[in-house]
Amino acid sequence: MNDIQLKLHANGHGAFVIENNDEQQLAEMVIGISGKKLTVYHTEVNEALKRQGIAAKLLDAMIDYARAHDLKVIPLCAYVLAQFKRHPEKYADIWDQEWHNASK
């Protein structure tokens, strides 16, 4: 299995992906970047890789990217939102909680 890659299109949409050596996608975290906001839409891991911490590795890659680029994260993905809510102190610097409060 290869490392996590960010495949980002010119329109700001893309994903953090893990592919096998045949370039088949094994896992992805679908994102969109607009201005200083990074929205996480969906995380999916191939059935064969479940329960191996792959989603957490994608989350770490996204967090590192957001911090490196001074982005605020809008976690629409259920997995990412659950992690943010479980450990708010770890993500306070990048979690756009104002967006979530405004959308209620």
N, C-alpha and C. Protein backbone atom coordinates (compact mmCIF):
# COMPACT_ATOMS: atom_id res chain seq x y z
N MET A 1 0.84 -1.19 0.00
CA MET A 1 0.00 0.00 0.00
C MET A 1 0.88 1.25 0.00
N ASN A 2 0.48 2.20 -0.77
CA ASN A 2 1.25 3.43 -0.88
C ASN A 2 0.82 4.45 0.17
N ASP A 3 1.56 5.55 0.23
CA ASP A 3 1.26 6.63 1.14
C ASP A 3 0.02 7.39 0.70
N ILE A 4 -0.42 8.27 1.56
CA ILE A 4 -1.58 9.10 1.26
C ILE A 4 -1.16 10.22 0.31
N GLN A 5 -1.96 10.43 -0.72
CA GLN A 5 -1.72 11.51 -1.68
C GLN A 5 -2.92 12.44 -1.67
N LEU A 6 -2.66 13.71 -1.89
CA LEU A 6 -3.74 14.66 -2.09
C LEU A 6 -3.88 14.88 -3.58
N LYS A 7 -5.06 14.54 -4.09
CA LYS A 7 -5.38 14.79 -5.50
C LYS A 7 -6.39 15.92 -5.51
N LEU A 8 -5.91 17.12 -5.84
CA LEU A 8 -6.74 18.31 -5.79
C LEU A 8 -6.86 18.91 -7.19
N HIS A 9 -8.09 19.13 -7.63
CA HIS A 9 -8.34 19.71 -8.95
C HIS A 9 -8.28 21.23 -8.87
N ALA A 10 -8.19 21.87 -10.00
CA ALA A 10 -8.09 23.33 -10.06
C ALA A 10 -9.28 24.02 -9.42
N ASN A 11 -10.45 23.34 -9.41
CA ASN A 11 -11.65 23.95 -8.83
C ASN A 11 -11.70 23.83 -7.31
N GLY A 12 -10.67 23.23 -6.71
CA GLY A 12 -10.62 23.12 -5.26
C GLY A 12 -11.23 21.85 -4.71
N HIS A 13 -11.76 21.00 -5.58
CA HIS A 13 -12.34 19.73 -5.14
C HIS A 13 -11.33 18.62 -5.35
N GLY A 14 -11.38 17.64 -4.45
CA GLY A 14 -10.46 16.53 -4.58
C GLY A 14 -10.58 15.59 -3.41
N ALA A 15 -9.48 14.88 -3.12
CA ALA A 15 -9.52 13.90 -2.04
C ALA A 15 -8.11 13.53 -1.62
N PHE A 16 -8.01 13.16 -0.35
CA PHE A 16 -6.82 12.47 0.13
C PHE A 16 -7.08 11.01 -0.18
N VAL A 17 -6.16 10.36 -0.88
CA VAL A 17 -6.40 8.98 -1.32
C VAL A 17 -5.23 8.07 -0.97
N ILE A 18 -5.57 6.79 -0.84
CA ILE A 18 -4.57 5.73 -0.71
C ILE A 18 -4.87 4.76 -1.84
N GLU A 19 -3.85 4.49 -2.64
CA GLU A 19 -3.99 3.56 -3.76
C GLU A 19 -3.03 2.41 -3.57
N ASN A 20 -3.36 1.28 -4.19
CA ASN A 20 -2.41 0.17 -4.17
C ASN A 20 -1.40 0.38 -5.30
N ASN A 21 -0.50 -0.55 -5.46
CA ASN A 21 0.56 -0.41 -6.47
C ASN A 21 0.02 -0.40 -7.89
N ASP A 22 -1.21 -0.88 -8.08
CA ASP A 22 -1.85 -0.85 -9.40
C ASP A 22 -2.69 0.40 -9.60
N GLU A 23 -2.53 1.37 -8.69
CA GLU A 23 -3.26 2.63 -8.71
C GLU A 23 -4.77 2.47 -8.55
N GLN A 24 -5.18 1.36 -7.91
CA GLN A 24 -6.58 1.21 -7.55
C GLN A 24 -6.78 1.92 -6.22
N GLN A 25 -7.86 2.67 -6.13
CA GLN A 25 -8.12 3.44 -4.92
C GLN A 25 -8.62 2.51 -3.80
N LEU A 26 -7.96 2.59 -2.65
CA LEU A 26 -8.32 1.76 -1.51
C LEU A 26 -9.06 2.55 -0.43
N ALA A 27 -8.80 3.85 -0.38
CA ALA A 27 -9.44 4.70 0.62
C ALA A 27 -9.40 6.13 0.14
N GLU A 28 -10.40 6.92 0.57
CA GLU A 28 -10.42 8.33 0.19
C GLU A 28 -11.14 9.15 1.24
N MET A 29 -10.72 10.40 1.33
CA MET A 29 -11.42 11.42 2.12
C MET A 29 -11.69 12.56 1.15
N VAL A 30 -12.95 12.73 0.78
CA VAL A 30 -13.35 13.71 -0.22
C VAL A 30 -13.44 15.09 0.44
N ILE A 31 -12.78 16.06 -0.19
CA ILE A 31 -12.72 17.41 0.36
C ILE A 31 -13.00 18.46 -0.72
N GLY A 32 -13.22 19.66 -0.25
CA GLY A 32 -13.29 20.82 -1.12
C GLY A 32 -12.65 21.98 -0.40
N ILE A 33 -11.90 22.81 -1.12
CA ILE A 33 -11.25 23.97 -0.52
C ILE A 33 -11.76 25.21 -1.24
N SER A 34 -12.24 26.16 -0.43
CA SER A 34 -12.70 27.43 -0.98
C SER A 34 -12.23 28.52 -0.04
N GLY A 35 -11.41 29.41 -0.54
CA GLY A 35 -10.86 30.46 0.31
C GLY A 35 -10.02 29.83 1.42
N LYS A 36 -10.37 30.15 2.66
CA LYS A 36 -9.64 29.61 3.82
C LYS A 36 -10.43 28.50 4.51
N LYS A 37 -11.36 27.89 3.79
CA LYS A 37 -12.19 26.81 4.34
C LYS A 37 -11.89 25.50 3.62
N LEU A 38 -11.74 24.44 4.41
CA LEU A 38 -11.59 23.09 3.88
C LEU A 38 -12.79 22.29 4.37
N THR A 39 -13.64 21.86 3.46
CA THR A 39 -14.83 21.08 3.81
C THR A 39 -14.54 19.60 3.56
N VAL A 40 -14.82 18.77 4.56
CA VAL A 40 -14.67 17.32 4.40
C VAL A 40 -16.07 16.75 4.20
N TYR A 41 -16.27 16.10 3.04
CA TYR A 41 -17.59 15.61 2.68
C TYR A 41 -17.81 14.14 3.04
N HIS A 42 -16.79 13.33 2.86
CA HIS A 42 -17.02 11.89 2.97
C HIS A 42 -15.69 11.17 3.15
N THR A 43 -15.69 10.12 3.94
CA THR A 43 -14.53 9.26 4.10
C THR A 43 -14.97 7.83 3.82
N GLU A 44 -14.19 7.14 2.98
CA GLU A 44 -14.53 5.76 2.65
C GLU A 44 -13.26 4.92 2.59
N VAL A 45 -13.34 3.73 3.19
CA VAL A 45 -12.21 2.81 3.22
C VAL A 45 -12.68 1.47 2.65
N ASN A 46 -11.88 0.90 1.76
CA ASN A 46 -12.17 -0.40 1.18
C ASN A 46 -12.42 -1.42 2.28
N GLU A 47 -13.40 -2.28 2.06
CA GLU A 47 -13.80 -3.28 3.06
C GLU A 47 -12.61 -4.10 3.57
N ALA A 48 -11.68 -4.42 2.69
CA ALA A 48 -10.53 -5.24 3.06
C ALA A 48 -9.58 -4.53 4.04
N LEU A 49 -9.67 -3.21 4.10
CA LEU A 49 -8.77 -2.44 4.96
C LEU A 49 -9.43 -1.92 6.23
N LYS A 50 -10.70 -2.23 6.41
CA LYS A 50 -11.40 -1.72 7.59
C LYS A 50 -10.75 -2.23 8.87
N ARG A 51 -10.87 -1.43 9.91
CA ARG A 51 -10.34 -1.74 11.25
C ARG A 51 -8.81 -1.80 11.30
N GLN A 52 -8.18 -1.05 10.40
CA GLN A 52 -6.72 -0.96 10.40
C GLN A 52 -6.23 0.47 10.65
N GLY A 53 -7.14 1.35 11.02
CA GLY A 53 -6.76 2.73 11.30
C GLY A 53 -6.53 3.58 10.07
N ILE A 54 -7.04 3.13 8.93
CA ILE A 54 -6.82 3.86 7.68
C ILE A 54 -7.55 5.21 7.70
N ALA A 55 -8.80 5.23 8.18
CA ALA A 55 -9.54 6.49 8.24
C ALA A 55 -8.81 7.49 9.13
N ALA A 56 -8.24 7.01 10.22
CA ALA A 56 -7.49 7.90 11.12
C ALA A 56 -6.26 8.47 10.42
N LYS A 57 -5.62 7.67 9.56
CA LYS A 57 -4.45 8.16 8.81
C LYS A 57 -4.88 9.24 7.82
N LEU A 58 -6.03 9.05 7.17
CA LEU A 58 -6.54 10.07 6.26
C LEU A 58 -6.87 11.34 7.05
N LEU A 59 -7.47 11.17 8.21
CA LEU A 59 -7.79 12.32 9.07
C LEU A 59 -6.52 13.08 9.43
N ASP A 60 -5.48 12.36 9.84
CA ASP A 60 -4.21 13.01 10.20
C ASP A 60 -3.63 13.79 9.03
N ALA A 61 -3.70 13.21 7.82
CA ALA A 61 -3.17 13.90 6.64
C ALA A 61 -3.96 15.18 6.36
N MET A 62 -5.28 15.10 6.49
CA MET A 62 -6.12 16.28 6.27
C MET A 62 -5.82 17.35 7.31
N ILE A 63 -5.68 16.96 8.58
CA ILE A 63 -5.39 17.90 9.66
C ILE A 63 -4.04 18.59 9.41
N ASP A 64 -3.04 17.80 9.06
CA ASP A 64 -1.71 18.37 8.78
C ASP A 64 -1.79 19.39 7.64
N TYR A 65 -2.53 19.05 6.59
CA TYR A 65 -2.68 19.94 5.44
C TYR A 65 -3.39 21.23 5.86
N ALA A 66 -4.48 21.09 6.61
CA ALA A 66 -5.24 22.27 7.05
C ALA A 66 -4.36 23.20 7.89
N ARG A 67 -3.60 22.63 8.80
CA ARG A 67 -2.74 23.46 9.65
C ARG A 67 -1.64 24.11 8.83
N ALA A 68 -1.04 23.38 7.91
CA ALA A 68 0.05 23.91 7.10
C ALA A 68 -0.41 25.06 6.21
N HIS A 69 -1.69 25.04 5.82
CA HIS A 69 -2.22 26.06 4.91
C HIS A 69 -3.17 27.04 5.61
N ASP A 70 -3.19 27.01 6.94
CA ASP A 70 -4.00 27.94 7.74
C ASP A 70 -5.46 27.92 7.31
N LEU A 71 -6.03 26.70 7.21
CA LEU A 71 -7.41 26.53 6.79
C LEU A 71 -8.28 26.15 7.99
N LYS A 72 -9.54 26.58 7.95
CA LYS A 72 -10.54 26.15 8.92
C LYS A 72 -11.32 25.00 8.31
N VAL A 73 -11.59 23.97 9.10
CA VAL A 73 -12.23 22.75 8.61
C VAL A 73 -13.72 22.74 8.95
N ILE A 74 -14.52 22.43 7.93
CA ILE A 74 -15.96 22.21 8.10
C ILE A 74 -16.18 20.70 7.92
N PRO A 75 -16.36 19.96 9.02
CA PRO A 75 -16.48 18.51 8.93
C PRO A 75 -17.92 18.05 8.68
N LEU A 76 -18.31 17.93 7.41
CA LEU A 76 -19.63 17.42 7.07
C LEU A 76 -19.62 15.89 7.10
N CYS A 77 -18.48 15.30 6.94
CA CYS A 77 -18.32 13.85 7.01
C CYS A 77 -18.62 13.38 8.44
N ALA A 78 -19.46 12.37 8.58
CA ALA A 78 -19.85 11.88 9.91
C ALA A 78 -18.65 11.40 10.72
N TYR A 79 -17.71 10.73 10.07
CA TYR A 79 -16.53 10.23 10.79
C TYR A 79 -15.69 11.39 11.33
N VAL A 80 -15.40 12.37 10.49
CA VAL A 80 -14.56 13.49 10.91
C VAL A 80 -15.27 14.31 11.99
N LEU A 81 -16.55 14.56 11.82
CA LEU A 81 -17.30 15.31 12.83
C LEU A 81 -17.28 14.57 14.17
N ALA A 82 -17.43 13.25 14.14
CA ALA A 82 -17.40 12.47 15.38
C ALA A 82 -16.04 12.60 16.07
N GLN A 83 -14.96 12.58 15.28
CA GLN A 83 -13.62 12.72 15.86
C GLN A 83 -13.44 14.12 16.46
N PHE A 84 -13.91 15.14 15.76
CA PHE A 84 -13.80 16.51 16.25
C PHE A 84 -14.57 16.66 17.56
N LYS A 85 -15.77 16.07 17.62
CA LYS A 85 -16.59 16.19 18.83
C LYS A 85 -15.99 15.38 19.98
N ARG A 86 -15.36 14.27 19.66
CA ARG A 86 -14.76 13.41 20.69
C ARG A 86 -13.51 14.04 21.30
N HIS A 87 -12.76 14.79 20.49
CA HIS A 87 -11.49 15.40 20.94
C HIS A 87 -11.44 16.87 20.54
N PRO A 88 -12.36 17.69 21.02
CA PRO A 88 -12.41 19.10 20.57
C PRO A 88 -11.13 19.87 20.86
N GLU A 89 -10.42 19.52 21.91
CA GLU A 89 -9.19 20.23 22.25
C GLU A 89 -8.09 19.99 21.21
N LYS A 90 -8.10 18.83 20.56
CA LYS A 90 -7.09 18.53 19.54
C LYS A 90 -7.30 19.32 18.26
N TYR A 91 -8.55 19.71 18.01
CA TYR A 91 -8.88 20.32 16.73
C TYR A 91 -9.40 21.75 16.85
N ALA A 92 -9.34 22.32 18.05
CA ALA A 92 -9.90 23.66 18.28
C ALA A 92 -9.32 24.71 17.35
N ASP A 93 -8.04 24.57 17.00
CA ASP A 93 -7.39 25.58 16.16
C ASP A 93 -7.85 25.57 14.71
N ILE A 94 -8.42 24.46 14.26
CA ILE A 94 -8.81 24.38 12.85
C ILE A 94 -10.30 24.12 12.63
N TRP A 95 -11.03 23.74 13.67
CA TRP A 95 -12.45 23.42 13.53
C TRP A 95 -13.27 24.69 13.40
N ASP A 96 -13.99 24.83 12.30
CA ASP A 96 -14.85 25.99 12.08
C ASP A 96 -16.19 25.74 12.78
N GLN A 97 -16.19 25.89 14.10
CA GLN A 97 -17.40 25.63 14.87
C GLN A 97 -18.48 26.67 14.62
N GLU A 98 -18.08 27.87 14.23
CA GLU A 98 -19.06 28.91 13.92
C GLU A 98 -19.96 28.47 12.77
N TRP A 99 -19.39 27.78 11.78
CA TRP A 99 -20.18 27.31 10.65
C TRP A 99 -21.23 26.33 11.13
N HIS A 100 -20.83 25.39 12.00
CA HIS A 100 -21.78 24.40 12.52
C HIS A 100 -22.87 25.06 13.36
N ASN A 101 -22.52 26.03 14.16
CA ASN A 101 -23.51 26.72 14.99
C ASN A 101 -24.49 27.51 14.13
N ALA A 102 -23.99 28.10 13.05
CA ALA A 102 -24.84 28.91 12.18
C ALA A 102 -25.78 28.04 11.34
N SER A 103 -25.39 26.80 11.10
CA SER A 103 -26.20 25.94 10.22
C SER A 103 -27.28 25.18 10.98
N LYS A 104 -27.37 25.37 12.29
CA LYS A 104 -28.39 24.65 13.07
C LYS A 104 -29.74 25.29 12.93
